[in-house]
Amino acid sequence: MAISKTASPVLTGKVAFVTGGSRGIGAAIVRRLAEDGAAVAFSYASSSAPADELARSIEAEGGRTLALKIDSADAAALTAGIDEAARKLGRIDVLVNNAGVFLPGTLEDFSLEDFDRTLDINVRAVFVAAKAAARHMGEGGRIINIGSTNAERMPWPGGSAYAMSKSALKGLVQGLARDLGPRGITVNNVQPGPVNTDMNPVDGPNAAAMHGLMALARHARPEEIAGMVAYLASPEAAFVTGAGLNIDGGFAA
């Protein structure tokens, strides 16, 4: 599937930045935006091997990409990375805040350190990245956050801090949509349900319990989440802002 031949040209000439883009949902988003014609910078937090392989595969298909090792909890590093991407690629048109953590624990055993890290990556980093990227955006800019259906429904113990962090994105998106609307920049929230990744595999121990709560009893493919992100990044979504869009197989229905 060569980017230059088979992909839609809707993002040709655009520049995207994806946090947490080296694997899982993030990697699918990076690939899809590149297939749609964008130059894509992405961050990764740990091993460089998956990031390097993703970058090589995109460039082999005719795309343009930039992989940056960044801990999203480090506000200075995240801001500097976005500024570097804008400098090297020309600007930022699309920001996808995908980096996130799920640190489980009930009230009795959940540490304050884990609570702070959950907020630092799942909420604070989203604000930091939006603030940094917006400086490089013009009319038609897009900010897209990857939240979770657990903002609507947390049916098991041990997920309170995670659910709270993803619920916080709903308010942040609505507020930022008002802040940035006069500049023609849209801000939206995508809320996936169970997605088949190495962190939540379709054959994992919790899959059957998740499917029992869903209208469509299956995991999503990462490419399905990327498809919704691609829509929000496209010209077709120019009138969508401040929205929270579930793509969860009816988990929260």
C-alpha atoms as a PDB file:
ATOM      1  CA  MET A   1       0.000   0.000   0.000  1.00  0.00           C
ATOM      2  CA  ALA A   2       2.158   2.863  -1.252  1.00  0.00           C
ATOM      3  CA  ILE A   3       1.351   6.182   0.364  1.00  0.00           C
ATOM      4  CA  SER A   4       2.006   8.118  -2.815  1.00  0.00           C
ATOM      5  CA  LYS A   5      -0.324   5.974  -4.966  1.00  0.00           C
ATOM      6  CA  THR A   6      -3.232   4.593  -2.985  1.00  0.00           C
ATOM      7  CA  ALA A   7      -3.778   7.048  -0.171  1.00  0.00           C
ATOM      8  CA  SER A   8      -6.356   9.779  -0.133  1.00  0.00           C
ATOM      9  CA  PRO A   9      -4.759  13.186  -0.749  1.00  0.00           C
ATOM     10  CA  VAL A  10      -6.928  15.029   1.782  1.00  0.00           C
ATOM     11  CA  LEU A  11      -3.982  15.866   4.074  1.00  0.00           C
ATOM     12  CA  THR A  12      -1.378  16.482   1.383  1.00  0.00           C
ATOM     13  CA  GLY A  13       0.828  19.373   2.472  1.00  0.00           C
ATOM     14  CA  LYS A  14      -0.295  19.131   6.104  1.00  0.00           C
ATOM     15  CA  VAL A  15       1.914  18.401   9.126  1.00  0.00           C
ATOM     16  CA  ALA A  16       0.746  16.285  12.058  1.00  0.00           C
ATOM     17  CA  PHE A  17       2.212  15.574  15.477  1.00  0.00           C
ATOM     18  CA  VAL A  18       1.123  12.434  17.358  1.00  0.00           C
ATOM     19  CA  THR A  19       2.128  11.786  20.955  1.00  0.00           C
ATOM     20  CA  GLY A  20       2.711   8.155  21.909  1.00  0.00           C
ATOM     21  CA  GLY A  21       2.870   7.182  18.261  1.00  0.00           C
ATOM     22  CA  SER A  22       5.210   4.201  18.085  1.00  0.00           C
ATOM     23  CA  ARG A  23       2.788   1.345  18.782  1.00  0.00           C
ATOM     24  CA  GLY A  24      -0.841   0.336  19.143  1.00  0.00           C
ATOM     25  CA  ILE A  25      -3.461   2.983  18.454  1.00  0.00           C
ATOM     26  CA  GLY A  26      -0.790   5.656  18.102  1.00  0.00           C
ATOM     27  CA  ALA A  27       1.097   3.794  15.392  1.00  0.00           C
ATOM     28  CA  ALA A  28      -2.140   3.176  13.482  1.00  0.00           C
ATOM     29  CA  ILE A  29      -2.892   6.904  13.641  1.00  0.00           C
ATOM     30  CA  VAL A  30       0.601   7.803  12.419  1.00  0.00           C
ATOM     31  CA  ARG A  31       0.259   5.392   9.486  1.00  0.00           C
ATOM     32  CA  ARG A  32      -3.218   6.604   8.543  1.00  0.00           C
ATOM     33  CA  LEU A  33      -2.300  10.299   8.614  1.00  0.00           C
ATOM     34  CA  ALA A  34       0.778   9.537   6.513  1.00  0.00           C
ATOM     35  CA  GLU A  35      -1.353   7.551   4.062  1.00  0.00           C
ATOM     36  CA  ASP A  36      -3.672  10.561   3.834  1.00  0.00           C
ATOM     37  CA  GLY A  37      -0.722  12.687   2.728  1.00  0.00           C
ATOM     38  CA  ALA A  38       0.502  14.378   5.919  1.00  0.00           C
ATOM     39  CA  ALA A  39       4.079  14.635   7.097  1.00  0.00           C
ATOM     40  CA  VAL A  40       3.924  13.091  10.563  1.00  0.00           C
ATOM     41  CA  ALA A  41       6.117  13.682  13.592  1.00  0.00           C
ATOM     42  CA  PHE A  42       5.491  11.419  16.554  1.00  0.00           C
ATOM     43  CA  SER A  43       6.824  10.928  20.054  1.00  0.00           C
ATOM     44  CA  TYR A  44       7.667   7.729  21.892  1.00  0.00           C
ATOM     45  CA  ALA A  45       8.671   7.185  25.498  1.00  0.00           C
ATOM     46  CA  SER A  46      10.691   3.973  25.696  1.00  0.00           C
ATOM     47  CA  SER A  47      12.273   1.631  23.151  1.00  0.00           C
ATOM     48  CA  SER A  48      13.420   3.269  19.930  1.00  0.00           C
ATOM     49  CA  ALA A  49      13.165   0.060  17.857  1.00  0.00           C
ATOM     50  CA  PRO A  50       9.387   0.209  17.137  1.00  0.00           C
ATOM     51  CA  ALA A  51       9.611   3.938  16.456  1.00  0.00           C
ATOM     52  CA  ASP A  52      12.509   3.507  14.042  1.00  0.00           C
ATOM     53  CA  GLU A  53      10.738   0.676  12.229  1.00  0.00           C
ATOM     54  CA  LEU A  54       7.535   2.724  11.892  1.00  0.00           C
ATOM     55  CA  ALA A  55       9.460   5.697  10.537  1.00  0.00           C
ATOM     56  CA  ARG A  56      11.329   3.497   8.040  1.00  0.00           C
ATOM     57  CA  SER A  57       8.126   1.886   6.792  1.00  0.00           C
ATOM     58  CA  ILE A  58       6.465   5.261   6.198  1.00  0.00           C
ATOM     59  CA  GLU A  59       9.489   6.671   4.412  1.00  0.00           C
ATOM     60  CA  ALA A  60       9.739   3.526   2.279  1.00  0.00           C
ATOM     61  CA  GLU A  61       6.198   4.240   1.068  1.00  0.00           C
ATOM     62  CA  GLY A  62       7.079   7.796   0.111  1.00  0.00           C
ATOM     63  CA  GLY A  63       5.999   9.530   3.300  1.00  0.00           C
ATOM     64  CA  ARG A  64       7.821  12.002   5.502  1.00  0.00           C
ATOM     65  CA  THR A  65       8.158  11.466   9.236  1.00  0.00           C
ATOM     66  CA  LEU A  66      10.107  12.405  12.347  1.00  0.00           C
ATOM     67  CA  ALA A  67      10.406  10.233  15.476  1.00  0.00           C
ATOM     68  CA  LEU A  68      11.239  11.977  18.778  1.00  0.00           C
ATOM     69  CA  LYS A  69      11.916  10.326  22.146  1.00  0.00           C
ATOM     70  CA  ILE A  70       9.902  12.308  24.690  1.00  0.00           C
ATOM     71  CA  ASP A  71       8.397  11.585  28.099  1.00  0.00           C
ATOM     72  CA  SER A  72       5.032  13.314  27.860  1.00  0.00           C
ATOM     73  CA  ALA A  73       5.119  13.958  31.605  1.00  0.00           C
ATOM     74  CA  ASP A  74       8.077  16.300  31.000  1.00  0.00           C
ATOM     75  CA  ALA A  75       6.395  19.539  29.947  1.00  0.00           C
ATOM     76  CA  ALA A  76       9.612  21.208  28.806  1.00  0.00           C
ATOM     77  CA  ALA A  77      10.650  18.223  26.685  1.00  0.00           C
ATOM     78  CA  LEU A  78       7.198  17.894  25.139  1.00  0.00           C
ATOM     79  CA  THR A  79       7.063  21.583  24.246  1.00  0.00           C
ATOM     80  CA  ALA A  80      10.589  21.463  22.819  1.00  0.00           C
ATOM     81  CA  GLY A  81       9.703  18.384  20.730  1.00  0.00           C
ATOM     82  CA  ILE A  82       6.656  20.055  19.212  1.00  0.00           C
ATOM     83  CA  ASP A  83       8.695  23.176  18.480  1.00  0.00           C
ATOM     84  CA  GLU A  84      11.390  21.017  16.834  1.00  0.00           C
ATOM     85  CA  ALA A  85       8.823  19.245  14.659  1.00  0.00           C
ATOM     86  CA  ALA A  86       7.347  22.579  13.572  1.00  0.00           C
ATOM     87  CA  ARG A  87      10.809  23.897  12.757  1.00  0.00           C
ATOM     88  CA  LYS A  88      11.847  20.845  10.741  1.00  0.00           C
ATOM     89  CA  LEU A  89       8.524  20.181   9.007  1.00  0.00           C
ATOM     90  CA  GLY A  90       7.358  23.774   8.607  1.00  0.00           C
ATOM     91  CA  ARG A  91       4.408  24.071  11.001  1.00  0.00           C
ATOM     92  CA  ILE A  92       1.798  21.978  12.845  1.00  0.00           C
ATOM     93  CA  ASP A  93      -1.651  21.507  11.329  1.00  0.00           C
ATOM     94  CA  VAL A  94      -2.871  18.491  13.318  1.00  0.00           C
ATOM     95  CA  LEU A  95      -2.080  17.507  16.912  1.00  0.00           C
ATOM     96  CA  VAL A  96      -3.180  14.087  18.168  1.00  0.00           C
ATOM     97  CA  ASN A  97      -2.769  13.629  21.921  1.00  0.00           C
ATOM     98  CA  ASN A  98      -2.588   9.850  22.112  1.00  0.00           C
ATOM     99  CA  ALA A  99      -0.011   9.211  24.856  1.00  0.00           C
ATOM    100  CA  GLY A 100      -1.618   7.828  27.990  1.00  0.00           C
ATOM    101  CA  VAL A 101      -1.199   5.471  30.918  1.00  0.00           C
ATOM    102  CA  PHE A 102      -3.503   3.124  32.776  1.00  0.00           C
ATOM    103  CA  LEU A 103      -2.272   2.529  36.310  1.00  0.00           C
ATOM    104  CA  PRO A 104      -4.888   0.402  38.118  1.00  0.00           C
ATOM    105  CA  GLY A 105      -5.547   0.375  41.822  1.00  0.00           C
ATOM    106  CA  THR A 106      -8.366   0.751  44.321  1.00  0.00           C
ATOM    107  CA  LEU A 107      -8.583   3.679  46.709  1.00  0.00           C
ATOM    108  CA  GLU A 108      -6.882   1.723  49.480  1.00  0.00           C
ATOM    109  CA  ASP A 109      -3.785   0.749  47.503  1.00  0.00           C
ATOM    110  CA  PHE A 110      -3.427   3.450  44.835  1.00  0.00           C
ATOM    111  CA  SER A 111      -0.339   5.543  45.520  1.00  0.00           C
ATOM    112  CA  LEU A 112      -0.195   9.309  45.279  1.00  0.00           C
ATOM    113  CA  GLU A 113       2.750   8.903  42.900  1.00  0.00           C
ATOM    114  CA  ASP A 114       0.618   6.841  40.503  1.00  0.00           C
ATOM    115  CA  PHE A 115      -2.209   9.363  40.869  1.00  0.00           C
ATOM    116  CA  ASP A 116       0.126  12.224  39.939  1.00  0.00           C
ATOM    117  CA  ARG A 117       1.617  10.333  36.970  1.00  0.00           C
ATOM    118  CA  THR A 118      -1.868   9.514  35.675  1.00  0.00           C
ATOM    119  CA  LEU A 119      -2.775  13.199  35.701  1.00  0.00           C
ATOM    120  CA  ASP A 120       0.617  14.302  34.365  1.00  0.00           C
ATOM    121  CA  ILE A 121       0.375  12.157  31.234  1.00  0.00           C
ATOM    122  CA  ASN A 122      -3.362  11.805  30.655  1.00  0.00           C
ATOM    123  CA  VAL A 123      -4.366  15.421  31.368  1.00  0.00           C
ATOM    124  CA  ARG A 124      -1.484  17.845  31.966  1.00  0.00           C
ATOM    125  CA  ALA A 125       0.458  16.675  28.901  1.00  0.00           C
ATOM    126  CA  VAL A 126      -2.619  17.171  26.719  1.00  0.00           C
ATOM    127  CA  PHE A 127      -2.853  20.792  27.860  1.00  0.00           C
ATOM    128  CA  VAL A 128       0.900  21.318  27.423  1.00  0.00           C
ATOM    129  CA  ALA A 129       0.898  19.856  23.908  1.00  0.00           C
ATOM    130  CA  ALA A 130      -2.182  21.826  22.858  1.00  0.00           C
ATOM    131  CA  LYS A 131      -0.628  25.047  24.126  1.00  0.00           C
ATOM    132  CA  ALA A 132       2.637  24.337  22.288  1.00  0.00           C
ATOM    133  CA  ALA A 133       1.060  23.158  19.029  1.00  0.00           C
ATOM    134  CA  ALA A 134      -1.487  25.975  18.820  1.00  0.00           C
ATOM    135  CA  ARG A 135       1.359  28.470  18.471  1.00  0.00           C
ATOM    136  CA  HIS A 136       2.261  26.785  15.176  1.00  0.00           C
ATOM    137  CA  MET A 137      -1.306  26.387  13.854  1.00  0.00           C
ATOM    138  CA  GLY A 138      -3.278  28.532  11.480  1.00  0.00           C
ATOM    139  CA  GLU A 139      -6.854  28.506  10.240  1.00  0.00           C
ATOM    140  CA  GLY A 140      -8.067  24.925   9.870  1.00  0.00           C
ATOM    141  CA  GLY A 141      -5.864  23.512  12.620  1.00  0.00           C
ATOM    142  CA  ARG A 142      -6.983  20.370  14.403  1.00  0.00           C
ATOM    143  CA  ILE A 143      -6.432  19.165  17.979  1.00  0.00           C
ATOM    144  CA  ILE A 144      -7.669  15.623  18.589  1.00  0.00           C
ATOM    145  CA  ASN A 145      -7.422  13.913  21.960  1.00  0.00           C
ATOM    146  CA  ILE A 146      -7.631  10.171  22.511  1.00  0.00           C
ATOM    147  CA  GLY A 147      -9.757   9.716  25.590  1.00  0.00           C
ATOM    148  CA  SER A 148     -11.605   6.577  26.649  1.00  0.00           C
ATOM    149  CA  THR A 149     -15.107   5.208  26.888  1.00  0.00           C
ATOM    150  CA  ASN A 150     -14.276   4.803  30.586  1.00  0.00           C
ATOM    151  CA  ALA A 151     -15.000   8.512  30.889  1.00  0.00           C
ATOM    152  CA  GLU A 152     -18.627   7.423  30.434  1.00  0.00           C
ATOM    153  CA  ARG A 153     -18.563   4.052  32.180  1.00  0.00           C
ATOM    154  CA  MET A 154     -16.126   2.379  34.588  1.00  0.00           C
ATOM    155  CA  PRO A 155     -17.739  -0.955  35.468  1.00  0.00           C
ATOM    156  CA  TRP A 156     -14.884  -2.443  37.510  1.00  0.00           C
ATOM    157  CA  PRO A 157     -12.989  -1.468  40.651  1.00  0.00           C
ATOM    158  CA  GLY A 158      -9.454  -0.158  40.313  1.00  0.00           C
ATOM    159  CA  GLY A 159     -10.003   2.348  37.519  1.00  0.00           C
ATOM    160  CA  SER A 160     -11.136   5.486  39.326  1.00  0.00           C
ATOM    161  CA  ALA A 161      -8.055   7.631  38.655  1.00  0.00           C
ATOM    162  CA  TYR A 162      -7.933   6.572  35.006  1.00  0.00           C
ATOM    163  CA  ALA A 163     -11.643   7.251  34.497  1.00  0.00           C
ATOM    164  CA  MET A 164     -11.276  10.632  36.189  1.00  0.00           C
ATOM    165  CA  SER A 165      -8.357  11.570  33.935  1.00  0.00           C
ATOM    166  CA  LYS A 166     -10.289  10.684  30.793  1.00  0.00           C
ATOM    167  CA  SER A 167     -13.396  12.499  32.057  1.00  0.00           C
ATOM    168  CA  ALA A 168     -11.248  15.596  32.535  1.00  0.00           C
ATOM    169  CA  LEU A 169     -10.518  15.629  28.799  1.00  0.00           C
ATOM    170  CA  LYS A 170     -14.201  16.226  28.064  1.00  0.00           C
ATOM    171  CA  GLY A 171     -14.183  19.534  29.909  1.00  0.00           C
ATOM    172  CA  LEU A 172     -10.784  20.479  28.517  1.00  0.00           C
ATOM    173  CA  VAL A 173     -11.962  19.864  24.957  1.00  0.00           C
ATOM    174  CA  GLN A 174     -15.099  21.935  25.405  1.00  0.00           C
ATOM    175  CA  GLY A 175     -13.125  24.820  26.886  1.00  0.00           C
ATOM    176  CA  LEU A 176     -10.337  24.729  24.316  1.00  0.00           C
ATOM    177  CA  ALA A 177     -12.894  24.597  21.510  1.00  0.00           C
ATOM    178  CA  ARG A 178     -14.192  27.960  22.755  1.00  0.00           C
ATOM    179  CA  ASP A 179     -10.672  29.365  23.178  1.00  0.00           C
ATOM    180  CA  LEU A 180      -9.472  28.360  19.722  1.00  0.00           C
ATOM    181  CA  GLY A 181     -12.680  28.602  17.698  1.00  0.00           C
ATOM    182  CA  PRO A 182     -12.074  32.243  16.764  1.00  0.00           C
ATOM    183  CA  ARG A 183      -8.819  31.115  15.125  1.00  0.00           C
ATOM    184  CA  GLY A 184     -10.582  28.431  13.083  1.00  0.00           C
ATOM    185  CA  ILE A 185      -8.980  25.585  15.085  1.00  0.00           C
ATOM    186  CA  THR A 186     -11.182  22.662  16.078  1.00  0.00           C
ATOM    187  CA  VAL A 187     -10.715  20.583  19.241  1.00  0.00           C
ATOM    188  CA  ASN A 188     -12.323  17.165  19.694  1.00  0.00           C
ATOM    189  CA  ASN A 189     -12.175  14.065  21.859  1.00  0.00           C
ATOM    190  CA  VAL A 190     -12.199  10.470  20.558  1.00  0.00           C
ATOM    191  CA  GLN A 191     -13.247   7.892  23.151  1.00  0.00           C
ATOM    192  CA  PRO A 192     -12.312   4.312  22.205  1.00  0.00           C
ATOM    193  CA  GLY A 193     -13.557   1.199  23.895  1.00  0.00           C
ATOM    194  CA  PRO A 194     -11.525  -2.036  23.986  1.00  0.00           C
ATOM    195  CA  VAL A 195      -8.945  -2.030  21.190  1.00  0.00           C
ATOM    196  CA  ASN A 196      -6.779  -4.971  20.145  1.00  0.00           C
ATOM    197  CA  THR A 197      -3.281  -3.843  21.141  1.00  0.00           C
ATOM    198  CA  ASP A 198      -0.467  -5.450  23.090  1.00  0.00           C
ATOM    199  CA  MET A 199      -1.772  -3.670  26.201  1.00  0.00           C
ATOM    200  CA  ASN A 200      -5.328  -5.003  25.793  1.00  0.00           C
ATOM    201  CA  PRO A 201      -5.240  -7.999  23.433  1.00  0.00           C
ATOM    202  CA  VAL A 202      -8.350  -9.566  22.015  1.00  0.00           C
ATOM    203  CA  ASP A 203      -7.360 -12.876  23.616  1.00  0.00           C
ATOM    204  CA  GLY A 204      -6.495 -11.330  26.995  1.00  0.00           C
ATOM    205  CA  PRO A 205      -7.971 -12.459  30.335  1.00  0.00           C
ATOM    206  CA  ASN A 206     -10.462  -9.566  30.504  1.00  0.00           C
ATOM    207  CA  ALA A 207     -11.746  -9.747  26.934  1.00  0.00           C
ATOM    208  CA  ALA A 208     -14.832 -11.842  27.625  1.00  0.00           C
ATOM    209  CA  ALA A 209     -15.948  -9.571  30.476  1.00  0.00           C
ATOM    210  CA  MET A 210     -15.536  -6.500  28.271  1.00  0.00           C
ATOM    211  CA  HIS A 211     -17.434  -8.069  25.393  1.00  0.00           C
ATOM    212  CA  GLY A 212     -20.279  -8.937  27.746  1.00  0.00           C
ATOM    213  CA  LEU A 213     -20.869  -5.219  28.298  1.00  0.00           C
ATOM    214  CA  MET A 214     -20.866  -4.274  24.629  1.00  0.00           C
ATOM    215  CA  ALA A 215     -23.471  -4.109  21.857  1.00  0.00           C
ATOM    216  CA  LEU A 216     -20.796  -5.304  19.415  1.00  0.00           C
ATOM    217  CA  ALA A 217     -19.008  -8.073  21.275  1.00  0.00           C
ATOM    218  CA  ARG A 218     -15.484  -7.611  19.966  1.00  0.00           C
ATOM    219  CA  HIS A 219     -12.375  -5.502  20.273  1.00  0.00           C
ATOM    220  CA  ALA A 220     -11.845  -2.673  17.802  1.00  0.00           C
ATOM    221  CA  ARG A 221      -8.922  -2.743  15.410  1.00  0.00           C
ATOM    222  CA  PRO A 222      -6.466   0.133  15.906  1.00  0.00           C
ATOM    223  CA  GLU A 223      -7.150   1.111  12.295  1.00  0.00           C
ATOM    224  CA  GLU A 224     -10.794   1.769  13.164  1.00  0.00           C
ATOM    225  CA  ILE A 225      -9.782   4.336  15.784  1.00  0.00           C
ATOM    226  CA  ALA A 226      -7.334   5.846  13.303  1.00  0.00           C
ATOM    227  CA  GLY A 227     -10.176   6.178  10.805  1.00  0.00           C
ATOM    228  CA  MET A 228     -12.171   8.390  13.162  1.00  0.00           C
ATOM    229  CA  VAL A 229      -9.076  10.475  13.865  1.00  0.00           C
ATOM    230  CA  ALA A 230      -8.494  10.832  10.123  1.00  0.00           C
ATOM    231  CA  TYR A 231     -12.045  12.080   9.675  1.00  0.00           C
ATOM    232  CA  LEU A 232     -11.619  14.716  12.391  1.00  0.00           C
ATOM    233  CA  ALA A 233      -8.319  15.790  10.813  1.00  0.00           C
ATOM    234  CA  SER A 234      -9.903  16.135   7.370  1.00  0.00           C
ATOM    235  CA  PRO A 235     -11.646  19.124   5.751  1.00  0.00           C
ATOM    236  CA  GLU A 236     -14.942  17.232   6.060  1.00  0.00           C
ATOM    237  CA  ALA A 237     -14.888  17.746   9.847  1.00  0.00           C
ATOM    238  CA  ALA A 238     -14.435  21.523   9.696  1.00  0.00           C
ATOM    239  CA  PHE A 239     -17.721  22.101  11.573  1.00  0.00           C
ATOM    240  CA  VAL A 240     -17.073  19.523  14.339  1.00  0.00           C
ATOM    241  CA  THR A 241     -15.596  20.974  17.517  1.00  0.00           C
ATOM    242  CA  GLY A 242     -15.992  20.548  21.259  1.00  0.00           C
ATOM    243  CA  ALA A 243     -17.293  17.029  20.647  1.00  0.00           C
ATOM    244  CA  GLY A 244     -16.749  13.749  22.451  1.00  0.00           C
ATOM    245  CA  LEU A 245     -17.087  10.879  19.986  1.00  0.00           C
ATOM    246  CA  ASN A 246     -17.409   7.319  21.292  1.00  0.00           C
ATOM    247  CA  ILE A 247     -16.037   4.495  19.161  1.00  0.00           C
ATOM    248  CA  ASP A 248     -16.601   1.716  21.663  1.00  0.00           C
ATOM    249  CA  GLY A 249     -18.879  -0.933  20.188  1.00  0.00           C
ATOM    250  CA  GLY A 250     -21.672   0.245  22.482  1.00  0.00           C
ATOM    251  CA  PHE A 251     -19.681  -0.211  25.711  1.00  0.00           C
ATOM    252  CA  ALA A 252     -21.152   2.996  27.140  1.00  0.00           C
ATOM    253  CA  ALA A 253     -24.595   2.627  25.527  1.00  0.00           C
END
